[in-house]
C-alpha atoms as a PDB file:
ATOM      1  CA  VAL A   1     247.612 219.600 172.183  1.00  0.00           C
ATOM      2  CA  MET A   2     248.683 222.045 169.479  1.00  0.00           C
ATOM      3  CA  ILE A   3     251.982 220.218 169.048  1.00  0.00           C
ATOM      4  CA  ALA A   4     250.289 216.819 168.913  1.00  0.00           C
ATOM      5  CA  ASN A   5     247.878 218.183 166.300  1.00  0.00           C
ATOM      6  CA  ARG A   6     250.859 219.465 164.255  1.00  0.00           C
ATOM      7  CA  ARG A   7     249.699 223.097 164.304  1.00  0.00           C
ATOM      8  CA  SER A   8     251.841 225.489 162.297  1.00  0.00           C
ATOM      9  CA  LYS A   9     253.709 228.314 163.970  1.00  0.00           C
ATOM     10  CA  SER A  10     251.215 230.852 162.627  1.00  0.00           C
ATOM     11  CA  GLN A  11     248.255 228.786 163.875  1.00  0.00           C
ATOM     12  CA  MET A  12     249.802 228.559 167.340  1.00  0.00           C
ATOM     13  CA  THR A  13     250.507 232.295 167.357  1.00  0.00           C
ATOM     14  CA  SER A  14     246.927 233.048 166.419  1.00  0.00           C
ATOM     15  CA  GLU A  15     245.445 230.688 169.003  1.00  0.00           C
ATOM     16  CA  LEU A  16     247.748 231.762 171.843  1.00  0.00           C
ATOM     17  CA  SER A  17     247.654 235.519 171.265  1.00  0.00           C
ATOM     18  CA  LEU A  18     244.658 236.135 173.515  1.00  0.00           C
ATOM     19  CA  PHE A  19     246.333 234.274 176.385  1.00  0.00           C
ATOM     20  CA  LEU A  20     249.954 235.416 175.919  1.00  0.00           C
ATOM     21  CA  GLY A  21     249.383 238.889 174.487  1.00  0.00           C
ATOM     22  CA  SER A  22     252.567 240.682 173.482  1.00  0.00           C
ATOM     23  CA  HIS A  23     254.666 237.646 174.478  1.00  0.00           C
ATOM     24  CA  THR A  24     253.091 235.350 171.877  1.00  0.00           C
ATOM     25  CA  ASP A  25     255.675 235.781 169.110  1.00  0.00           C
ATOM     26  CA  LYS A  26     258.595 235.303 171.482  1.00  0.00           C
ATOM     27  CA  PHE A  27     257.027 232.154 172.934  1.00  0.00           C
ATOM     28  CA  THR A  28     256.150 230.567 169.591  1.00  0.00           C
ATOM     29  CA  ASP A  29     259.621 231.383 168.210  1.00  0.00           C
ATOM     30  CA  TRP A  30     261.206 229.693 171.234  1.00  0.00           C
ATOM     31  CA  LEU A  31     258.867 226.711 171.051  1.00  0.00           C
ATOM     32  CA  HIS A  32     259.591 226.050 167.393  1.00  0.00           C
ATOM     33  CA  ILE A  33     263.349 226.266 167.986  1.00  0.00           C
ATOM     34  CA  VAL A  34     263.021 223.683 170.767  1.00  0.00           C
ATOM     35  CA  LEU A  35     260.859 221.432 168.582  1.00  0.00           C
ATOM     36  CA  GLU A  36     263.333 221.632 165.682  1.00  0.00           C
ATOM     37  CA  LYS A  37     266.193 220.663 168.008  1.00  0.00           C
ATOM     38  CA  LEU A  38     264.166 217.797 169.436  1.00  0.00           C
ATOM     39  CA  GLU A  39     263.258 216.499 165.978  1.00  0.00           C
ATOM     40  CA  ALA A  40     266.920 216.705 164.912  1.00  0.00           C
ATOM     41  CA  PHE A  41     267.998 214.811 168.033  1.00  0.00           C
ATOM     42  CA  VAL A  42     265.350 212.118 167.664  1.00  0.00           C
ATOM     43  CA  GLY A  43     266.025 211.811 163.945  1.00  0.00           C
ATOM     44  CA  GLY A  44     269.740 211.396 164.608  1.00  0.00           C
ATOM     45  CA  SER A  45     269.231 208.700 167.233  1.00  0.00           C
ATOM     46  CA  ASN A  46     266.866 206.772 164.972  1.00  0.00           C
ATOM     47  CA  ALA A  47     269.490 206.740 162.231  1.00  0.00           C
ATOM     48  CA  THR A  48     272.065 205.148 164.554  1.00  0.00           C
ATOM     49  CA  ASP A  49     269.541 202.635 165.863  1.00  0.00           C
ATOM     50  CA  LYS A  50     269.076 201.264 162.345  1.00  0.00           C
ATOM     51  CA  VAL A  51     272.809 200.620 161.831  1.00  0.00           C
END
């Protein structure tokens, strides 16, 4: 839901901190790396689809 609502990394960290505790920063760092890679992959495939 947070991803679909385009929450920022800091918003996710704040909202997940109660649930994840000391693991929150590590999780949100990992999640944003995965999302950046996914966006790069999807963006790259869309560019080739248009050619």
